Amino acid sequence: MSDETVTDEQLWDARYSESERIWSGNPNAVLVREVTGLEPGRALDLGCGEGADAIWLAQQGWHVTAVDISRVALERAAGHAAEAGVADRVDWQWHDLGASFPDGAFDLVSACFLHSHGDLPREKILRTAASVTAPGGTLLIVGHSGPPPWEHDHHGVHLPTPQEVLESLDLADGRWEVQRCEEHERTQTAPDGRPVTRTDNVLRVRRLDGRA
């Protein structure tokens, strides 16, 4: 099968099938920092992977809709949620987000590291994420600001600055509050085991009324 015929679903199913766990199992630190203190309600986790963020949100009292394109990841995540005792608080849904999206409005919409080497219409997806953020709700977008030190171009994937992300959302003036738009450094372990410093970014915006 050539690269041209591999779908995003097949790409990520293959990635998750490589081992029993490919992520740490811990929630993203930025998500924990930004969400702690918010009143729990309905949350949407875009690109949930093996479910660590969704499970943590459920443990904090949120009712979570968790979405991924990989059925392998979703099945694994559901197992982790059952082990954590929060299976009844998470609705695991398969979506190719460029083509379909969960129904409803959400008090928190989280998109942490929603990047893909495939044909991912990220800007379109994030604009849709803004449109399903409920009045008074929070949209949280966390991403990489650049490739890791051991790569030069991250397989050609564009990694925007937080300001570029904000501008791409095309939010209506006066209807959103920008609460955080910044870059930050974190330590990551390289494939050879060395600790390296990587720059990520975070955009947190709050919807002020019912219109995007």
N, C-alpha and C. Protein backbone atom coordinates (compact mmCIF):
# COMPACT_ATOMS: atom_id res chain seq x y z
N MET A 1 0.86 -1.20 0.00
CA MET A 1 0.00 0.00 0.00
C MET A 1 0.89 1.24 0.00
N SER A 2 0.71 2.09 -1.02
CA SER A 2 1.53 3.29 -1.11
C SER A 2 1.03 4.35 -0.16
N ASP A 3 1.88 5.35 0.12
CA ASP A 3 1.50 6.43 1.02
C ASP A 3 0.26 7.16 0.51
N GLU A 4 0.10 7.25 -0.83
CA GLU A 4 -1.01 7.99 -1.40
C GLU A 4 -2.35 7.33 -1.10
N THR A 5 -2.36 6.04 -0.82
CA THR A 5 -3.62 5.33 -0.61
C THR A 5 -3.92 5.10 0.87
N VAL A 6 -3.04 5.52 1.77
CA VAL A 6 -3.25 5.32 3.20
C VAL A 6 -4.11 6.44 3.75
N THR A 7 -5.24 6.09 4.34
CA THR A 7 -6.12 7.10 4.94
C THR A 7 -5.60 7.47 6.33
N ASP A 8 -6.10 8.59 6.86
CA ASP A 8 -5.74 8.97 8.22
C ASP A 8 -6.14 7.89 9.22
N GLU A 9 -7.29 7.29 9.00
CA GLU A 9 -7.73 6.23 9.91
C GLU A 9 -6.74 5.07 9.90
N GLN A 10 -6.33 4.64 8.72
CA GLN A 10 -5.38 3.54 8.62
C GLN A 10 -4.03 3.92 9.22
N LEU A 11 -3.61 5.17 8.97
CA LEU A 11 -2.33 5.64 9.50
C LEU A 11 -2.31 5.55 11.02
N TRP A 12 -3.38 6.06 11.66
CA TRP A 12 -3.39 6.08 13.13
C TRP A 12 -3.71 4.72 13.73
N ASP A 13 -4.53 3.92 13.06
CA ASP A 13 -4.74 2.55 13.55
C ASP A 13 -3.42 1.79 13.55
N ALA A 14 -2.63 1.97 12.49
CA ALA A 14 -1.33 1.31 12.42
C ALA A 14 -0.40 1.79 13.52
N ARG A 15 -0.43 3.11 13.76
CA ARG A 15 0.43 3.67 14.81
C ARG A 15 0.07 3.09 16.18
N TYR A 16 -1.22 3.05 16.50
CA TYR A 16 -1.62 2.54 17.81
C TYR A 16 -1.44 1.03 17.93
N SER A 17 -1.42 0.34 16.81
CA SER A 17 -1.24 -1.11 16.83
C SER A 17 0.22 -1.51 17.03
N GLU A 18 1.13 -0.54 16.97
CA GLU A 18 2.55 -0.85 17.13
C GLU A 18 2.89 -1.37 18.52
N SER A 19 2.14 -0.91 19.55
CA SER A 19 2.41 -1.33 20.92
C SER A 19 1.14 -1.19 21.73
N GLU A 20 1.14 -1.73 22.94
CA GLU A 20 -0.04 -1.69 23.79
C GLU A 20 -0.32 -0.29 24.33
N ARG A 21 0.69 0.56 24.38
CA ARG A 21 0.50 1.96 24.80
C ARG A 21 1.57 2.80 24.14
N ILE A 22 1.15 3.91 23.51
CA ILE A 22 2.16 4.77 22.88
C ILE A 22 2.29 6.10 23.59
N TRP A 23 1.33 6.45 24.47
CA TRP A 23 1.43 7.69 25.25
C TRP A 23 1.63 7.34 26.72
N SER A 24 1.89 8.34 27.53
CA SER A 24 2.27 8.11 28.93
C SER A 24 1.12 7.61 29.80
N GLY A 25 -0.11 7.91 29.41
CA GLY A 25 -1.24 7.60 30.27
C GLY A 25 -1.59 8.73 31.23
N ASN A 26 -0.79 9.79 31.21
CA ASN A 26 -1.05 10.96 32.05
C ASN A 26 -1.74 12.05 31.24
N PRO A 27 -2.62 12.84 31.85
CA PRO A 27 -3.25 13.94 31.12
C PRO A 27 -2.22 15.00 30.76
N ASN A 28 -2.49 15.74 29.69
CA ASN A 28 -1.59 16.82 29.30
C ASN A 28 -1.52 17.86 30.41
N ALA A 29 -0.30 18.25 30.77
CA ALA A 29 -0.10 19.17 31.89
C ALA A 29 -0.78 20.51 31.65
N VAL A 30 -0.79 20.99 30.42
CA VAL A 30 -1.43 22.27 30.12
C VAL A 30 -2.94 22.17 30.30
N LEU A 31 -3.52 21.05 29.90
CA LEU A 31 -4.95 20.85 30.12
C LEU A 31 -5.27 20.90 31.61
N VAL A 32 -4.50 20.21 32.41
CA VAL A 32 -4.73 20.20 33.85
C VAL A 32 -4.63 21.62 34.41
N ARG A 33 -3.62 22.36 33.99
CA ARG A 33 -3.44 23.72 34.49
C ARG A 33 -4.59 24.62 34.09
N GLU A 34 -5.02 24.54 32.85
CA GLU A 34 -6.02 25.47 32.34
C GLU A 34 -7.44 25.12 32.77
N VAL A 35 -7.71 23.86 33.03
CA VAL A 35 -9.08 23.43 33.34
C VAL A 35 -9.35 23.40 34.84
N THR A 36 -8.31 23.17 35.62
CA THR A 36 -8.50 23.14 37.07
C THR A 36 -9.14 24.45 37.54
N GLY A 37 -10.25 24.32 38.25
CA GLY A 37 -10.97 25.50 38.73
C GLY A 37 -12.21 25.83 37.92
N LEU A 38 -12.32 25.28 36.71
CA LEU A 38 -13.53 25.50 35.93
C LEU A 38 -14.67 24.66 36.49
N GLU A 39 -15.88 25.17 36.37
CA GLU A 39 -17.06 24.42 36.81
C GLU A 39 -17.31 23.28 35.82
N PRO A 40 -17.31 22.03 36.28
CA PRO A 40 -17.51 20.91 35.35
C PRO A 40 -18.87 20.97 34.67
N GLY A 41 -18.88 20.59 33.41
CA GLY A 41 -20.11 20.51 32.63
C GLY A 41 -19.91 19.48 31.54
N ARG A 42 -20.24 19.87 30.31
CA ARG A 42 -20.05 18.99 29.16
C ARG A 42 -18.72 19.34 28.48
N ALA A 43 -17.89 18.34 28.26
CA ALA A 43 -16.59 18.56 27.63
C ALA A 43 -16.48 17.74 26.35
N LEU A 44 -15.75 18.29 25.40
CA LEU A 44 -15.46 17.62 24.14
C LEU A 44 -13.95 17.53 24.00
N ASP A 45 -13.44 16.31 23.85
CA ASP A 45 -12.00 16.06 23.70
C ASP A 45 -11.75 15.62 22.27
N LEU A 46 -11.11 16.47 21.48
CA LEU A 46 -10.86 16.19 20.07
C LEU A 46 -9.49 15.54 19.91
N GLY A 47 -9.46 14.37 19.27
CA GLY A 47 -8.21 13.64 19.13
C GLY A 47 -7.80 13.03 20.46
N CYS A 48 -8.70 12.24 21.04
CA CYS A 48 -8.51 11.78 22.43
C CYS A 48 -7.45 10.70 22.59
N GLY A 49 -7.05 10.05 21.50
CA GLY A 49 -6.02 9.02 21.61
C GLY A 49 -6.41 7.91 22.57
N GLU A 50 -5.50 7.59 23.47
CA GLU A 50 -5.73 6.50 24.41
C GLU A 50 -6.53 6.93 25.64
N GLY A 51 -7.00 8.19 25.65
CA GLY A 51 -8.01 8.59 26.60
C GLY A 51 -7.57 9.25 27.88
N ALA A 52 -6.29 9.56 28.04
CA ALA A 52 -5.82 10.09 29.33
C ALA A 52 -6.51 11.40 29.70
N ASP A 53 -6.64 12.32 28.73
CA ASP A 53 -7.27 13.61 29.03
C ASP A 53 -8.75 13.42 29.37
N ALA A 54 -9.45 12.62 28.57
CA ALA A 54 -10.88 12.40 28.80
C ALA A 54 -11.13 11.75 30.15
N ILE A 55 -10.31 10.81 30.51
CA ILE A 55 -10.46 10.12 31.79
C ILE A 55 -10.21 11.10 32.94
N TRP A 56 -9.18 11.92 32.82
CA TRP A 56 -8.92 12.91 33.87
C TRP A 56 -10.09 13.88 34.01
N LEU A 57 -10.62 14.35 32.89
CA LEU A 57 -11.77 15.25 32.93
C LEU A 57 -12.95 14.58 33.63
N ALA A 58 -13.22 13.33 33.29
CA ALA A 58 -14.32 12.61 33.92
C ALA A 58 -14.11 12.48 35.42
N GLN A 59 -12.87 12.28 35.81
CA GLN A 59 -12.57 12.17 37.25
C GLN A 59 -12.78 13.49 37.98
N GLN A 60 -12.73 14.61 37.24
CA GLN A 60 -12.98 15.92 37.84
C GLN A 60 -14.47 16.28 37.83
N GLY A 61 -15.30 15.41 37.28
CA GLY A 61 -16.74 15.66 37.28
C GLY A 61 -17.35 16.05 35.96
N TRP A 62 -16.54 16.11 34.89
CA TRP A 62 -17.07 16.46 33.58
C TRP A 62 -17.75 15.25 32.94
N HIS A 63 -18.77 15.53 32.11
CA HIS A 63 -19.33 14.52 31.22
C HIS A 63 -18.67 14.74 29.86
N VAL A 64 -17.96 13.74 29.38
CA VAL A 64 -17.02 13.93 28.28
C VAL A 64 -17.48 13.18 27.03
N THR A 65 -17.43 13.87 25.90
CA THR A 65 -17.50 13.23 24.60
C THR A 65 -16.07 13.23 24.05
N ALA A 66 -15.54 12.05 23.81
CA ALA A 66 -14.14 11.90 23.40
C ALA A 66 -14.09 11.31 21.99
N VAL A 67 -13.35 11.97 21.11
CA VAL A 67 -13.39 11.66 19.68
C VAL A 67 -11.99 11.30 19.18
N ASP A 68 -11.94 10.30 18.32
CA ASP A 68 -10.69 10.01 17.63
C ASP A 68 -11.00 9.35 16.30
N ILE A 69 -10.03 9.38 15.38
CA ILE A 69 -10.18 8.74 14.08
C ILE A 69 -9.74 7.29 14.12
N SER A 70 -9.05 6.89 15.18
CA SER A 70 -8.55 5.52 15.30
C SER A 70 -9.47 4.69 16.19
N ARG A 71 -10.06 3.65 15.63
CA ARG A 71 -10.90 2.76 16.42
C ARG A 71 -10.05 1.95 17.39
N VAL A 72 -8.80 1.69 17.02
CA VAL A 72 -7.89 0.99 17.93
C VAL A 72 -7.69 1.82 19.19
N ALA A 73 -7.45 3.13 19.02
CA ALA A 73 -7.26 4.01 20.16
C ALA A 73 -8.52 4.10 21.01
N LEU A 74 -9.68 4.22 20.36
CA LEU A 74 -10.94 4.35 21.10
C LEU A 74 -11.24 3.11 21.93
N GLU A 75 -11.00 1.94 21.37
CA GLU A 75 -11.22 0.70 22.12
C GLU A 75 -10.29 0.63 23.32
N ARG A 76 -9.06 1.03 23.12
CA ARG A 76 -8.08 1.03 24.22
C ARG A 76 -8.48 2.05 25.29
N ALA A 77 -8.90 3.23 24.85
CA ALA A 77 -9.29 4.27 25.79
C ALA A 77 -10.50 3.85 26.62
N ALA A 78 -11.46 3.20 25.99
CA ALA A 78 -12.64 2.74 26.72
C ALA A 78 -12.25 1.73 27.80
N GLY A 79 -11.27 0.89 27.50
CA GLY A 79 -10.78 -0.04 28.51
C GLY A 79 -10.13 0.68 29.67
N HIS A 80 -9.35 1.71 29.38
CA HIS A 80 -8.71 2.48 30.45
C HIS A 80 -9.75 3.20 31.30
N ALA A 81 -10.81 3.71 30.67
CA ALA A 81 -11.87 4.39 31.42
C ALA A 81 -12.58 3.42 32.36
N ALA A 82 -12.82 2.21 31.88
CA ALA A 82 -13.46 1.20 32.73
C ALA A 82 -12.57 0.88 33.93
N GLU A 83 -11.28 0.76 33.69
CA GLU A 83 -10.34 0.48 34.78
C GLU A 83 -10.32 1.61 35.79
N ALA A 84 -10.51 2.85 35.31
CA ALA A 84 -10.48 4.03 36.19
C ALA A 84 -11.83 4.28 36.86
N GLY A 85 -12.84 3.51 36.49
CA GLY A 85 -14.14 3.66 37.12
C GLY A 85 -14.98 4.82 36.61
N VAL A 86 -14.68 5.30 35.39
CA VAL A 86 -15.42 6.45 34.86
C VAL A 86 -16.05 6.14 33.50
N ALA A 87 -16.28 4.87 33.22
CA ALA A 87 -16.82 4.49 31.92
C ALA A 87 -18.16 5.15 31.64
N ASP A 88 -18.95 5.40 32.69
CA ASP A 88 -20.28 5.98 32.50
C ASP A 88 -20.24 7.49 32.27
N ARG A 89 -19.07 8.10 32.36
CA ARG A 89 -18.96 9.55 32.20
C ARG A 89 -18.30 9.94 30.89
N VAL A 90 -17.93 8.96 30.07
CA VAL A 90 -17.26 9.25 28.80
C VAL A 90 -17.99 8.56 27.65
N ASP A 91 -18.33 9.33 26.64
CA ASP A 91 -18.94 8.81 25.42
C ASP A 91 -17.86 8.81 24.34
N TRP A 92 -17.37 7.61 23.98
CA TRP A 92 -16.31 7.50 22.99
C TRP A 92 -16.94 7.46 21.61
N GLN A 93 -16.53 8.36 20.72
CA GLN A 93 -17.11 8.45 19.38
C GLN A 93 -16.03 8.45 18.31
N TRP A 94 -16.27 7.70 17.25
CA TRP A 94 -15.38 7.73 16.09
C TRP A 94 -15.83 8.84 15.15
N HIS A 95 -14.89 9.69 14.77
CA HIS A 95 -15.17 10.72 13.76
C HIS A 95 -13.90 10.98 12.94
N ASP A 96 -14.09 11.16 11.66
CA ASP A 96 -13.10 11.81 10.82
C ASP A 96 -13.51 13.28 10.84
N LEU A 97 -12.85 14.07 11.68
CA LEU A 97 -13.35 15.40 12.01
C LEU A 97 -13.45 16.35 10.82
N GLY A 98 -12.76 16.04 9.77
CA GLY A 98 -12.92 16.86 8.57
C GLY A 98 -14.24 16.62 7.87
N ALA A 99 -14.91 15.50 8.21
CA ALA A 99 -16.15 15.12 7.54
C ALA A 99 -17.35 15.07 8.48
N SER A 100 -17.14 14.79 9.76
CA SER A 100 -18.24 14.70 10.71
C SER A 100 -17.79 15.21 12.06
N PHE A 101 -18.78 15.57 12.90
CA PHE A 101 -18.46 16.21 14.18
C PHE A 101 -19.53 15.81 15.19
N PRO A 102 -19.19 15.70 16.47
CA PRO A 102 -20.19 15.37 17.48
C PRO A 102 -21.29 16.42 17.57
N ASP A 103 -22.48 15.97 17.90
CA ASP A 103 -23.61 16.88 18.06
C ASP A 103 -23.57 17.57 19.42
N GLY A 104 -24.20 18.74 19.48
CA GLY A 104 -24.39 19.41 20.76
C GLY A 104 -23.46 20.58 20.97
N ALA A 105 -23.63 21.22 22.13
CA ALA A 105 -22.77 22.32 22.56
C ALA A 105 -22.05 21.90 23.82
N PHE A 106 -20.85 22.47 24.02
CA PHE A 106 -19.98 21.99 25.10
C PHE A 106 -19.42 23.17 25.91
N ASP A 107 -19.32 22.96 27.22
CA ASP A 107 -18.78 23.98 28.11
C ASP A 107 -17.26 24.05 28.03
N LEU A 108 -16.65 22.97 27.57
CA LEU A 108 -15.20 22.92 27.34
C LEU A 108 -14.96 22.14 26.06
N VAL A 109 -14.20 22.73 25.16
CA VAL A 109 -13.74 22.01 23.97
C VAL A 109 -12.22 22.03 24.01
N SER A 110 -11.63 20.85 24.02
CA SER A 110 -10.18 20.72 24.14
C SER A 110 -9.61 20.03 22.91
N ALA A 111 -8.60 20.65 22.32
CA ALA A 111 -7.88 20.06 21.19
C ALA A 111 -6.39 20.13 21.53
N CYS A 112 -5.87 19.07 22.10
CA CYS A 112 -4.46 19.02 22.51
C CYS A 112 -3.65 18.23 21.49
N PHE A 113 -2.73 18.92 20.85
CA PHE A 113 -1.82 18.32 19.87
C PHE A 113 -2.59 17.62 18.75
N LEU A 114 -3.55 18.35 18.20
CA LEU A 114 -4.35 17.85 17.08
C LEU A 114 -3.57 18.09 15.79
N HIS A 115 -2.51 17.32 15.63
CA HIS A 115 -1.68 17.37 14.43
C HIS A 115 -1.71 15.99 13.78
N SER A 116 -1.50 15.95 12.48
CA SER A 116 -1.45 14.66 11.79
C SER A 116 -0.56 14.78 10.57
N HIS A 117 0.14 13.68 10.26
CA HIS A 117 0.94 13.64 9.03
C HIS A 117 0.06 13.43 7.81
N GLY A 118 -1.21 13.12 8.03
CA GLY A 118 -2.14 12.92 6.93
C GLY A 118 -2.77 14.23 6.50
N ASP A 119 -3.87 14.12 5.77
CA ASP A 119 -4.56 15.29 5.22
C ASP A 119 -5.60 15.78 6.22
N LEU A 120 -5.14 16.48 7.24
CA LEU A 120 -6.01 16.94 8.31
C LEU A 120 -6.37 18.41 8.10
N PRO A 121 -7.65 18.73 7.89
CA PRO A 121 -8.05 20.14 7.73
C PRO A 121 -8.16 20.81 9.10
N ARG A 122 -7.03 21.05 9.73
CA ARG A 122 -7.00 21.47 11.13
C ARG A 122 -7.73 22.79 11.35
N GLU A 123 -7.52 23.78 10.48
CA GLU A 123 -8.17 25.08 10.68
C GLU A 123 -9.69 24.95 10.61
N LYS A 124 -10.19 24.18 9.66
CA LYS A 124 -11.62 23.95 9.55
C LYS A 124 -12.16 23.28 10.81
N ILE A 125 -11.44 22.28 11.30
CA ILE A 125 -11.88 21.55 12.50
C ILE A 125 -11.93 22.49 13.70
N LEU A 126 -10.92 23.33 13.86
CA LEU A 126 -10.88 24.22 15.02
C LEU A 126 -11.95 25.31 14.93
N ARG A 127 -12.28 25.75 13.73
CA ARG A 127 -13.39 26.70 13.59
C ARG A 127 -14.71 26.04 13.98
N THR A 128 -14.87 24.78 13.60
CA THR A 128 -16.06 24.04 14.02
C THR A 128 -16.07 23.87 15.54
N ALA A 129 -14.90 23.62 16.11
CA ALA A 129 -14.80 23.50 17.57
C ALA A 129 -15.27 24.78 18.25
N ALA A 130 -14.90 25.92 17.69
CA ALA A 130 -15.36 27.20 18.25
C ALA A 130 -16.88 27.32 18.16
N SER A 131 -17.45 26.84 17.07
CA SER A 131 -18.89 26.99 16.86
C SER A 131 -19.70 26.13 17.82
N VAL A 132 -19.13 25.06 18.37
CA VAL A 132 -19.87 24.20 19.30
C VAL A 132 -19.53 24.51 20.76
N THR A 133 -18.73 25.55 20.98
CA THR A 133 -18.44 25.99 22.34
C THR A 133 -19.64 26.78 22.86
N ALA A 134 -20.19 26.36 23.99
CA ALA A 134 -21.40 26.97 24.53
C ALA A 134 -21.12 28.37 25.06
N PRO A 135 -22.14 29.22 25.15
CA PRO A 135 -21.96 30.54 25.79
C PRO A 135 -21.36 30.38 27.19
N GLY A 136 -20.32 31.15 27.46
CA GLY A 136 -19.61 31.03 28.72
C GLY A 136 -18.59 29.91 28.74
N GLY A 137 -18.53 29.14 27.66
CA GLY A 137 -17.63 27.99 27.60
C GLY A 137 -16.23 28.35 27.16
N THR A 138 -15.33 27.38 27.29
CA THR A 138 -13.91 27.57 27.01
C THR A 138 -13.47 26.69 25.86
N LEU A 139 -12.72 27.27 24.93
CA LEU A 139 -12.05 26.53 23.87
C LEU A 139 -10.55 26.55 24.17
N LEU A 140 -9.97 25.37 24.30
CA LEU A 140 -8.55 25.23 24.64
C LEU A 140 -7.85 24.49 23.52
N ILE A 141 -6.84 25.13 22.94
CA ILE A 141 -6.07 24.53 21.85
C ILE A 141 -4.60 24.52 22.25
N VAL A 142 -4.02 23.35 22.30
CA VAL A 142 -2.61 23.18 22.65
C VAL A 142 -1.90 22.51 21.48
N GLY A 143 -0.75 23.04 21.09
CA GLY A 143 -0.04 22.47 19.95
C GLY A 143 1.45 22.64 20.04
N HIS A 144 2.13 22.05 19.09
CA HIS A 144 3.58 22.22 18.97
C HIS A 144 3.88 23.49 18.18
N SER A 145 4.88 24.24 18.63
CA SER A 145 5.29 25.44 17.91
C SER A 145 6.32 25.14 16.83
N GLY A 146 6.92 23.99 16.88
CA GLY A 146 7.92 23.61 15.90
C GLY A 146 8.24 22.13 16.07
N PRO A 147 9.01 21.59 15.13
CA PRO A 147 9.35 20.17 15.21
C PRO A 147 10.28 19.88 16.38
N PRO A 148 10.36 18.63 16.82
CA PRO A 148 11.30 18.29 17.87
C PRO A 148 12.73 18.41 17.35
N PRO A 149 13.71 18.53 18.25
CA PRO A 149 15.09 18.76 17.82
C PRO A 149 15.65 17.69 16.89
N TRP A 150 15.09 16.47 16.95
CA TRP A 150 15.63 15.40 16.12
C TRP A 150 14.97 15.35 14.74
N GLU A 151 14.05 16.29 14.44
CA GLU A 151 13.45 16.38 13.12
C GLU A 151 13.65 17.80 12.59
N HIS A 152 13.59 17.95 11.28
CA HIS A 152 13.79 19.27 10.68
C HIS A 152 12.47 19.93 10.28
N ASP A 153 11.51 19.13 9.78
CA ASP A 153 10.27 19.75 9.29
C ASP A 153 9.01 19.05 9.79
N HIS A 154 9.15 18.08 10.69
CA HIS A 154 8.00 17.34 11.24
C HIS A 154 7.14 16.79 10.11
N HIS A 155 7.82 16.16 9.14
CA HIS A 155 7.15 15.49 8.01
C HIS A 155 6.28 16.46 7.20
N GLY A 156 6.68 17.71 7.17
CA GLY A 156 5.97 18.68 6.35
C GLY A 156 4.71 19.24 6.98
N VAL A 157 4.41 18.88 8.22
CA VAL A 157 3.21 19.40 8.89
C VAL A 157 3.47 20.83 9.35
N HIS A 158 2.57 21.76 9.01
CA HIS A 158 2.72 23.14 9.46
C HIS A 158 2.33 23.23 10.93
N LEU A 159 3.20 23.81 11.73
CA LEU A 159 2.97 23.96 13.17
C LEU A 159 2.85 25.44 13.48
N PRO A 160 1.64 25.97 13.57
CA PRO A 160 1.43 27.41 13.68
C PRO A 160 1.73 27.96 15.07
N THR A 161 1.99 29.25 15.12
CA THR A 161 2.13 29.95 16.39
C THR A 161 0.75 30.10 17.01
N PRO A 162 0.67 30.41 18.31
CA PRO A 162 -0.66 30.62 18.91
C PRO A 162 -1.40 31.78 18.28
N GLN A 163 -0.69 32.83 17.86
CA GLN A 163 -1.35 33.96 17.21
C GLN A 163 -1.93 33.54 15.87
N GLU A 164 -1.21 32.70 15.14
CA GLU A 164 -1.73 32.19 13.87
C GLU A 164 -2.98 31.34 14.10
N VAL A 165 -2.97 30.55 15.16
CA VAL A 165 -4.15 29.75 15.48
C VAL A 165 -5.34 30.66 15.78
N LEU A 166 -5.09 31.69 16.60
CA LEU A 166 -6.15 32.62 16.95
C LEU A 166 -6.72 33.29 15.71
N GLU A 167 -5.86 33.76 14.83
CA GLU A 167 -6.32 34.44 13.62
C GLU A 167 -7.10 33.48 12.71
N SER A 168 -6.68 32.21 12.66
CA SER A 168 -7.34 31.25 11.78
C SER A 168 -8.75 30.92 12.26
N LEU A 169 -9.04 31.13 13.55
CA LEU A 169 -10.37 30.86 14.07
C LEU A 169 -11.40 31.87 13.57
N ASP A 170 -10.93 33.06 13.21
CA ASP A 170 -11.80 34.12 12.67
C ASP A 170 -12.97 34.41 13.62
N LEU A 171 -12.65 34.61 14.88
CA LEU A 171 -13.66 34.84 15.90
C LEU A 171 -14.23 36.26 15.78
N ALA A 172 -15.52 36.38 16.01
CA ALA A 172 -16.17 37.69 15.91
C ALA A 172 -15.71 38.60 17.04
N ASP A 173 -15.42 39.85 16.70
CA ASP A 173 -14.99 40.82 17.71
C ASP A 173 -16.07 41.01 18.78
N GLY A 174 -15.62 41.08 20.03
CA GLY A 174 -16.51 41.36 21.13
C GLY A 174 -17.31 40.18 21.63
N ARG A 175 -17.15 39.02 21.00
CA ARG A 175 -17.94 37.86 21.40
C ARG A 175 -17.08 36.78 22.05
N TRP A 176 -15.78 37.03 22.10
CA TRP A 176 -14.85 36.08 22.71
C TRP A 176 -13.84 36.85 23.56
N GLU A 177 -13.40 36.21 24.62
CA GLU A 177 -12.33 36.76 25.48
C GLU A 177 -11.10 35.87 25.34
N VAL A 178 -9.99 36.47 24.91
CA VAL A 178 -8.73 35.72 24.81
C VAL A 178 -8.10 35.69 26.20
N GLN A 179 -8.03 34.54 26.79
CA GLN A 179 -7.52 34.40 28.16
C GLN A 179 -6.05 33.99 28.19
N ARG A 180 -5.60 33.31 27.14
CA ARG A 180 -4.18 32.95 27.07
C ARG A 180 -3.82 32.70 25.61
N CYS A 181 -2.69 33.25 25.18
CA CYS A 181 -2.20 33.06 23.82
C CYS A 181 -0.68 33.18 23.89
N GLU A 182 -0.01 32.06 24.10
CA GLU A 182 1.43 32.14 24.39
C GLU A 182 2.14 30.83 24.10
N GLU A 183 3.45 30.94 24.01
CA GLU A 183 4.31 29.77 23.88
C GLU A 183 4.95 29.43 25.23
N HIS A 184 5.36 28.19 25.38
CA HIS A 184 6.05 27.77 26.60
C HIS A 184 6.98 26.61 26.26
N GLU A 185 7.99 26.44 27.08
CA GLU A 185 8.94 25.35 26.88
C GLU A 185 8.64 24.20 27.82
N ARG A 186 8.95 22.99 27.36
CA ARG A 186 8.82 21.82 28.22
C ARG A 186 9.93 20.84 27.87
N THR A 187 10.19 19.95 28.75
CA THR A 187 11.22 18.92 28.54
C THR A 187 10.58 17.66 27.99
N GLN A 188 11.19 17.11 26.96
CA GLN A 188 10.69 15.89 26.34
C GLN A 188 11.86 14.93 26.18
N THR A 189 11.58 13.64 26.21
CA THR A 189 12.61 12.63 26.04
C THR A 189 12.75 12.30 24.57
N ALA A 190 13.95 12.43 24.02
CA ALA A 190 14.21 12.12 22.62
C ALA A 190 14.22 10.61 22.41
N PRO A 191 14.12 10.16 21.16
CA PRO A 191 14.14 8.72 20.88
C PRO A 191 15.39 8.01 21.42
N ASP A 192 16.50 8.73 21.53
CA ASP A 192 17.72 8.11 22.05
C ASP A 192 17.83 8.21 23.57
N GLY A 193 16.77 8.72 24.21
CA GLY A 193 16.75 8.78 25.67
C GLY A 193 17.22 10.08 26.27
N ARG A 194 17.72 11.01 25.45
CA ARG A 194 18.19 12.29 25.97
C ARG A 194 17.03 13.22 26.28
N PRO A 195 17.11 13.98 27.38
CA PRO A 195 16.12 15.02 27.61
C PRO A 195 16.39 16.21 26.71
N VAL A 196 15.36 16.71 26.04
CA VAL A 196 15.50 17.86 25.15
C VAL A 196 14.41 18.87 25.49
N THR A 197 14.64 20.11 25.10
CA THR A 197 13.66 21.17 25.33
C THR A 197 12.87 21.41 24.05
N ARG A 198 11.56 21.48 24.19
CA ARG A 198 10.68 21.70 23.05
C ARG A 198 9.73 22.84 23.35
N THR A 199 9.36 23.60 22.32
CA THR A 199 8.44 24.72 22.49
C THR A 199 7.04 24.33 22.02
N ASP A 200 6.08 24.51 22.88
CA ASP A 200 4.67 24.29 22.56
C ASP A 200 3.92 25.60 22.72
N ASN A 201 2.64 25.60 22.36
CA ASN A 201 1.85 26.80 22.54
C ASN A 201 0.46 26.46 23.04
N VAL A 202 -0.20 27.47 23.60
CA VAL A 202 -1.54 27.30 24.13
C VAL A 202 -2.38 28.52 23.78
N LEU A 203 -3.60 28.25 23.35
CA LEU A 203 -4.60 29.29 23.12
C LEU A 203 -5.83 28.90 23.93
N ARG A 204 -6.26 29.81 24.79
CA ARG A 204 -7.48 29.60 25.57
C ARG A 204 -8.37 30.81 25.37
N VAL A 205 -9.57 30.55 24.86
CA VAL A 205 -10.54 31.62 24.62
C VAL A 205 -11.87 31.23 25.26
N ARG A 206 -12.60 32.23 25.73
CA ARG A 206 -13.91 32.03 26.37
C ARG A 206 -14.99 32.68 25.53
N ARG A 207 -16.05 31.97 25.26
CA ARG A 207 -17.15 32.50 24.46
C ARG A 207 -18.07 33.34 25.35
N LEU A 208 -18.39 34.53 24.91
CA LEU A 208 -19.15 35.46 25.73
C LEU A 208 -20.64 35.42 25.43
N ASP A 209 -21.03 34.97 24.23
CA ASP A 209 -22.46 34.89 23.92
C ASP A 209 -22.71 33.69 23.02
N GLY A 210 -23.89 33.62 22.48
CA GLY A 210 -24.28 32.43 21.73
C GLY A 210 -23.90 32.44 20.27
N ARG A 211 -23.16 33.46 19.82
CA ARG A 211 -22.81 33.53 18.40
C ARG A 211 -21.31 33.44 18.24
N ALA A 212 -20.86 32.72 17.19
CA ALA A 212 -19.43 32.59 16.93
C ALA A 212 -18.90 33.83 16.22
